[in-house]
């Protein structure tokens, strides 16, 4: 048996609809914020990809790189250690 149509039932239905509308608006706002964050991240990724592509192209073309200098130890200076023994 269906509910009787009363003023209270109408207000209850209005409340339910308004509540659902508010929830959906909040959800839509959250989705828009997420969309903006994703678009910003995609832009950063595009910039990084371009920079790496340029670097790879320069390496392919043979642009000289700055090479780190490696310092070797003089073996003769390390063979004259003084030994000290301590006993407890």
Protein backbone atom coordinates (compact mmCIF):
# COMPACT_ATOMS: atom_id res chain seq x y z
CA UNK A 1 0.00 0.00 0.00
CA UNK A 2 1.65 3.27 -1.10
CA UNK A 3 2.15 6.20 1.25
CA UNK A 4 -0.49 8.84 1.37
CA UNK A 5 0.34 12.12 -0.32
CA UNK A 6 0.86 14.53 2.53
CA UNK A 7 2.62 17.84 2.91
CA UNK A 8 5.29 16.17 5.08
CA UNK A 9 5.94 13.56 2.38
CA UNK A 10 6.37 16.33 -0.21
CA UNK A 11 8.85 18.16 2.01
CA UNK A 12 10.73 14.93 2.63
CA UNK A 13 11.04 14.37 -1.14
CA UNK A 14 12.20 17.98 -1.60
CA UNK A 15 14.83 17.47 1.12
CA UNK A 16 16.08 14.29 -0.52
CA UNK A 17 16.37 15.98 -3.91
CA UNK A 18 18.15 19.05 -2.49
CA UNK A 19 20.56 16.83 -0.56
CA UNK A 20 21.35 14.76 -3.64
CA UNK A 21 21.85 17.93 -5.71
CA UNK A 22 24.27 19.33 -3.12
CA UNK A 23 26.22 16.06 -3.00
CA UNK A 24 26.47 15.90 -6.79
CA UNK A 25 27.69 19.52 -6.99
CA UNK A 26 30.42 18.75 -4.44
CA UNK A 27 31.41 15.65 -6.37
CA UNK A 28 31.57 17.64 -9.60
CA UNK A 29 33.76 20.28 -7.95
CA UNK A 30 36.13 17.59 -6.67
CA UNK A 31 36.31 16.07 -10.16
CA UNK A 32 37.11 19.47 -11.69
CA UNK A 33 39.92 20.00 -9.17
CA UNK A 34 41.31 16.56 -9.95
CA UNK A 35 41.08 17.30 -13.67
CA UNK A 36 43.06 20.53 -13.16
CA UNK A 37 45.76 18.66 -11.19
CA UNK A 38 45.99 16.02 -13.92
CA UNK A 39 46.29 18.67 -16.65
CA UNK A 40 49.05 20.44 -14.70
CA UNK A 41 50.93 17.17 -14.26
CA UNK A 42 50.59 16.39 -17.96
CA UNK A 43 52.06 19.80 -18.78
CA UNK A 44 55.05 19.16 -16.49
CA UNK A 45 55.57 15.73 -18.06
CA UNK A 46 55.49 17.27 -21.55
CA UNK A 47 58.13 19.83 -20.55
CA UNK A 48 60.37 17.16 -19.05
CA UNK A 49 59.95 14.97 -22.12
CA UNK A 50 60.94 17.87 -24.39
CA UNK A 51 64.01 18.63 -22.28
CA UNK A 52 65.14 15.01 -22.34
CA UNK A 53 64.49 14.80 -26.06
CA UNK A 54 66.71 17.84 -26.64
CA UNK A 55 69.42 16.32 -24.44
CA UNK A 56 69.23 13.02 -26.31
CA UNK A 57 69.45 14.84 -29.65
CA UNK A 58 72.53 16.74 -28.48
CA UNK A 59 74.16 13.51 -27.35
CA UNK A 60 73.35 11.89 -30.67
CA UNK A 61 74.93 14.83 -32.52
CA UNK A 62 78.11 14.48 -30.50
CA UNK A 63 78.02 17.64 -28.43
CA UNK A 64 80.99 17.28 -26.08
CA UNK A 65 80.19 16.69 -22.44
CA UNK A 66 82.16 17.92 -19.50
CA UNK A 67 83.99 14.88 -18.23
CA UNK A 68 84.85 14.46 -14.60
CA UNK A 69 88.53 14.21 -13.84
CA UNK A 70 89.63 11.11 -12.02
CA UNK A 71 92.52 11.49 -9.63
CA UNK A 72 94.71 8.43 -9.15
CA UNK A 73 96.60 7.75 -5.96
CA UNK A 74 100.33 7.55 -6.03
CA UNK A 75 101.00 3.92 -5.01
CA UNK A 76 104.49 4.65 -3.70
CA UNK A 77 103.15 7.05 -1.06
CA UNK A 78 100.69 4.51 0.36
CA UNK A 79 103.29 1.80 0.98
CA UNK A 80 105.03 3.67 3.85
CA UNK A 81 102.48 3.32 6.62
CA UNK A 82 103.60 3.21 10.24
CA UNK A 83 102.01 0.39 12.22
CA UNK A 84 100.92 0.90 15.81
CA UNK A 85 99.58 -1.92 17.99
CA UNK A 86 97.59 -1.26 21.14
CA UNK A 87 96.80 -3.87 23.74
CA UNK A 88 94.05 -3.62 26.31
